[in-house]
Amino acid sequence: MLEPLDPSVDALFAFFERLKTMSSIQRFGTLPMIQSESVAAHSFNVAILSLLIADYDEDLKIDHALLMRKALFHDFEETILSDIPHPIKHRFQGGKLGKQLEEIVPALIRDEVFKELPPDLRERCARAALSAKEGPEGRVVAAADAMDIVMTSLRELKMGNRYFHNIFEVGLKLMARHEHLRFVRLFAESARRYREKDYHADAQPTFSDEFVDPETGMM
């Protein structure tokens, strides 16, 4: 005998409509971008980077399932708020908007973002989103979030978008807070070297083994 449908089934698909909007919400909305990036793409990148950080350092003792949940939900409130650039949140009137968002976002996550889901799922997702950058898993997500700023900046700079010079430097500074993590240190050094290569005419392409010195045959 089939179980009766959950009474919330009529509203459930509204959640998936909101989920799909992650693919159309653009990041860095106040800057010209050559290759636009959605919140969904950013969340995917953060999840991959978080996994690499955790897998590279076994001493971290990370709960991988919780890590992925936090990484994928860490910006989920943006399905309602959209992406608000850092300068807008923190620059004007002593960061007044940022402070207001700190008050609003927890209630938004608890009461709105996951409200159509069945209660057990709603509670689990909201808990992950609310603590997305707390605890051992949250600190890894915060590091991965900074790393993705650097990744995006390097891609834009490589294509000639000078608006991302400062964003790249901001990303490095944010990442420096997390260089106690072994993979973050490795990533940071690689990003700096990649940027140095990109100042030259023969900039490093997508695959590292394509960047070969024609005289020595060495990378």
Protein backbone atom coordinates (compact mmCIF):
# COMPACT_ATOMS: atom_id res chain seq x y z
CA MET A 1 0.00 0.00 0.00
CA LEU A 2 1.36 3.41 -0.98
CA GLU A 3 2.03 5.92 1.76
CA PRO A 4 -0.17 9.04 1.67
CA LEU A 5 1.49 12.06 0.10
CA ASP A 6 2.99 14.66 2.38
CA PRO A 7 0.56 17.61 2.57
CA SER A 8 3.40 19.91 1.47
CA VAL A 9 3.60 18.25 -1.93
CA ASP A 10 1.55 21.01 -3.58
CA ALA A 11 4.17 23.60 -2.62
CA LEU A 12 7.29 21.46 -3.02
CA PHE A 13 8.15 22.38 -6.58
CA ALA A 14 8.52 26.03 -5.62
CA PHE A 15 11.76 25.01 -3.90
CA PHE A 16 13.09 23.50 -7.12
CA GLU A 17 12.14 26.63 -9.06
CA ARG A 18 14.24 28.57 -6.58
CA LEU A 19 17.07 26.05 -6.91
CA LYS A 20 17.13 26.61 -10.67
CA THR A 21 17.49 30.37 -10.20
CA MET A 22 21.02 29.73 -8.87
CA SER A 23 22.04 29.21 -12.50
CA SER A 24 20.80 32.64 -13.53
CA ILE A 25 21.94 34.78 -10.57
CA GLN A 26 25.20 36.43 -11.61
CA ARG A 27 28.17 37.01 -9.31
CA PHE A 28 30.27 40.21 -9.29
CA GLY A 29 27.26 42.11 -10.56
CA THR A 30 28.88 45.55 -10.29
CA LEU A 31 31.91 44.60 -12.41
CA PRO A 32 32.14 43.99 -16.16
CA MET A 33 32.93 40.34 -16.79
CA ILE A 34 34.12 38.63 -19.94
CA GLN A 35 32.90 35.21 -18.80
CA SER A 36 29.92 35.56 -16.50
CA GLU A 37 29.64 33.29 -13.46
CA SER A 38 26.48 32.17 -11.74
CA VAL A 39 25.92 31.42 -8.07
CA ALA A 40 25.36 27.77 -9.07
CA ALA A 41 28.77 27.58 -10.78
CA HIS A 42 30.41 29.22 -7.76
CA SER A 43 28.77 26.75 -5.37
CA PHE A 44 29.98 23.83 -7.50
CA ASN A 45 33.52 25.21 -7.50
CA VAL A 46 33.45 25.71 -3.73
CA ALA A 47 32.28 22.11 -3.25
CA ILE A 48 35.14 20.74 -5.41
CA LEU A 49 37.74 22.94 -3.71
CA SER A 50 36.43 21.97 -0.26
CA LEU A 51 36.76 18.31 -1.14
CA LEU A 52 40.34 18.80 -2.34
CA ILE A 53 41.31 20.66 0.85
CA ALA A 54 39.82 17.92 3.03
CA ASP A 55 41.26 15.02 1.04
CA TYR A 56 44.75 16.52 0.88
CA ASP A 57 45.09 16.78 4.64
CA GLU A 58 43.84 13.67 6.42
CA ASP A 59 44.67 15.19 9.80
CA LEU A 60 41.68 17.52 9.45
CA LYS A 61 39.20 14.76 10.43
CA ILE A 62 36.46 16.18 8.25
CA ASP A 63 32.91 14.84 7.91
CA HIS A 64 32.76 14.79 4.11
CA ALA A 65 28.96 14.54 3.84
CA LEU A 66 28.54 17.57 6.09
CA LEU A 67 31.29 19.39 4.20
CA MET A 68 29.50 18.94 0.87
CA ARG A 69 26.18 19.99 2.36
CA LYS A 70 27.70 23.19 3.76
CA ALA A 71 29.58 23.95 0.55
CA LEU A 72 26.55 23.52 -1.69
CA PHE A 73 24.24 25.51 0.59
CA HIS A 74 26.67 28.23 1.71
CA ASP A 75 25.13 30.90 -0.57
CA PHE A 76 21.65 29.47 -0.92
CA GLU A 77 19.96 32.54 0.56
CA GLU A 78 21.02 34.30 -2.66
CA THR A 79 18.19 32.48 -4.42
CA ILE A 80 16.05 35.13 -2.70
CA LEU A 81 18.46 38.01 -2.00
CA SER A 82 20.57 37.66 -5.16
CA ASP A 83 24.35 38.25 -5.00
CA ILE A 84 25.17 41.50 -3.21
CA PRO A 85 28.79 42.56 -3.88
CA HIS A 86 31.13 42.94 -0.90
CA PRO A 87 31.64 46.75 -1.35
CA ILE A 88 27.90 47.34 -1.35
CA LYS A 89 27.49 45.38 1.89
CA HIS A 90 30.47 46.75 3.78
CA ARG A 91 31.59 50.08 2.35
CA PHE A 92 28.73 52.50 2.83
CA GLN A 93 27.56 54.03 6.14
CA GLY A 94 29.98 51.95 8.15
CA GLY A 95 28.83 48.69 6.62
CA LYS A 96 25.23 49.25 7.63
CA LEU A 97 23.77 46.98 4.95
CA GLY A 98 26.16 44.18 5.85
CA LYS A 99 25.10 44.40 9.49
CA GLN A 100 21.43 44.35 8.52
CA LEU A 101 22.02 41.30 6.35
CA GLU A 102 23.69 39.53 9.28
CA GLU A 103 20.41 39.98 11.13
CA ILE A 104 18.13 39.12 8.21
CA VAL A 105 19.85 36.14 6.61
CA PRO A 106 19.50 33.64 9.52
CA ALA A 107 15.75 34.25 9.72
CA LEU A 108 15.51 34.05 5.93
CA ILE A 109 17.25 30.67 5.93
CA ARG A 110 15.18 29.32 8.82
CA ASP A 111 11.80 30.55 7.62
CA GLU A 112 11.89 31.03 3.84
CA VAL A 113 14.70 29.44 1.83
CA PHE A 114 13.81 25.80 2.54
CA LYS A 115 10.21 26.20 3.68
CA GLU A 116 8.63 23.97 1.01
CA LEU A 117 10.74 20.92 1.93
CA PRO A 118 9.45 18.19 4.26
CA PRO A 119 10.27 19.06 7.90
CA ASP A 120 13.25 16.71 8.36
CA LEU A 121 14.88 17.83 5.13
CA ARG A 122 14.08 21.47 5.86
CA GLU A 123 15.79 21.28 9.25
CA ARG A 124 18.87 19.50 7.91
CA CYS A 125 19.36 21.91 5.00
CA ALA A 126 18.75 25.01 7.10
CA ARG A 127 21.19 23.80 9.74
CA ALA A 128 23.91 23.32 7.10
CA ALA A 129 23.26 26.73 5.54
CA LEU A 130 23.20 28.55 8.88
CA SER A 131 26.52 27.02 9.96
CA ALA A 132 28.08 26.96 6.49
CA LYS A 133 31.30 28.63 7.68
CA GLU A 134 31.39 27.36 11.25
CA GLY A 135 33.23 24.39 12.70
CA PRO A 136 35.98 22.39 10.95
CA GLU A 137 33.90 21.82 7.82
CA GLY A 138 32.80 25.46 7.73
CA ARG A 139 36.36 26.71 7.92
CA VAL A 140 37.22 24.57 4.91
CA VAL A 141 34.23 26.04 3.03
CA ALA A 142 35.38 29.58 3.92
CA ALA A 143 38.84 28.79 2.52
CA ALA A 144 37.36 27.32 -0.65
CA ASP A 145 35.14 30.39 -1.04
CA ALA A 146 38.24 32.63 -1.04
CA MET A 147 40.04 30.29 -3.43
CA ASP A 148 37.21 30.57 -5.94
CA ILE A 149 37.56 34.36 -5.95
CA VAL A 150 41.18 33.86 -6.99
CA MET A 151 40.18 31.31 -9.65
CA THR A 152 37.59 33.64 -11.16
CA SER A 153 39.97 36.61 -11.04
CA LEU A 154 42.76 34.73 -12.79
CA ARG A 155 40.40 33.62 -15.55
CA GLU A 156 39.18 37.18 -16.11
CA LEU A 157 42.71 38.62 -15.97
CA LYS A 158 43.92 36.03 -18.46
CA MET A 159 41.23 37.22 -20.88
CA GLY A 160 42.32 40.84 -20.40
CA ASN A 161 39.80 42.09 -17.86
CA ARG A 162 41.83 44.54 -15.77
CA TYR A 163 38.86 45.22 -13.50
CA PHE A 164 39.85 42.03 -11.66
CA HIS A 165 43.36 43.14 -10.61
CA ASN A 166 42.08 44.29 -7.23
CA ILE A 167 39.69 41.36 -6.88
CA PHE A 168 42.64 39.00 -7.31
CA GLU A 169 44.54 40.78 -4.53
CA VAL A 170 41.47 40.69 -2.27
CA GLY A 171 41.15 36.97 -2.92
CA LEU A 172 44.78 36.40 -1.93
CA LYS A 173 44.29 38.34 1.31
CA LEU A 174 41.16 36.37 2.18
CA MET A 175 42.98 33.14 1.39
CA ALA A 176 45.89 34.12 3.65
CA ARG A 177 43.54 33.68 6.63
CA HIS A 178 43.39 29.98 5.80
CA GLU A 179 46.97 29.14 4.90
CA HIS A 180 47.21 26.85 7.92
CA LEU A 181 45.45 24.41 5.57
CA ARG A 182 48.02 22.57 3.48
CA PHE A 183 46.11 22.59 0.19
CA VAL A 184 45.36 26.30 0.52
CA ARG A 185 49.09 27.05 0.77
CA LEU A 186 49.73 24.92 -2.30
CA PHE A 187 46.92 26.63 -4.20
CA ALA A 188 48.10 30.12 -3.19
CA GLU A 189 51.64 29.54 -4.42
CA SER A 190 50.38 28.03 -7.67
CA ALA A 191 48.04 30.99 -8.22
CA ARG A 192 50.87 33.50 -7.72
CA ARG A 193 53.12 31.65 -10.17
CA TYR A 194 50.29 31.35 -12.69
CA ARG A 195 49.72 35.09 -12.46
CA GLU A 196 53.43 35.79 -13.03
CA LYS A 197 53.43 33.61 -16.16
CA ASP A 198 50.37 35.41 -17.45
CA TYR A 199 52.29 38.70 -17.60
CA HIS A 200 54.24 37.24 -20.53
CA ALA A 201 53.12 36.84 -24.11
CA ASP A 202 53.17 33.04 -23.91
CA ALA A 203 50.64 32.81 -21.08
CA GLN A 204 49.96 29.41 -19.58
CA PRO A 205 46.99 27.80 -21.34
CA THR A 206 44.45 25.39 -19.93
CA PHE A 207 46.80 22.41 -19.60
CA SER A 208 50.05 22.84 -17.69
CA ASP A 209 52.06 20.68 -20.09
CA GLU A 210 51.28 23.07 -22.94
CA PHE A 211 53.40 25.76 -21.29
CA VAL A 212 56.82 24.57 -22.44
CA ASP A 213 59.96 26.58 -23.02
CA PRO A 214 60.69 26.07 -26.76
CA GLU A 215 64.45 26.19 -26.17
CA THR A 216 64.80 23.84 -23.21
CA GLY A 217 61.65 21.77 -23.57
CA MET A 218 61.03 22.38 -19.88
CA MET A 219 57.88 23.75 -18.25
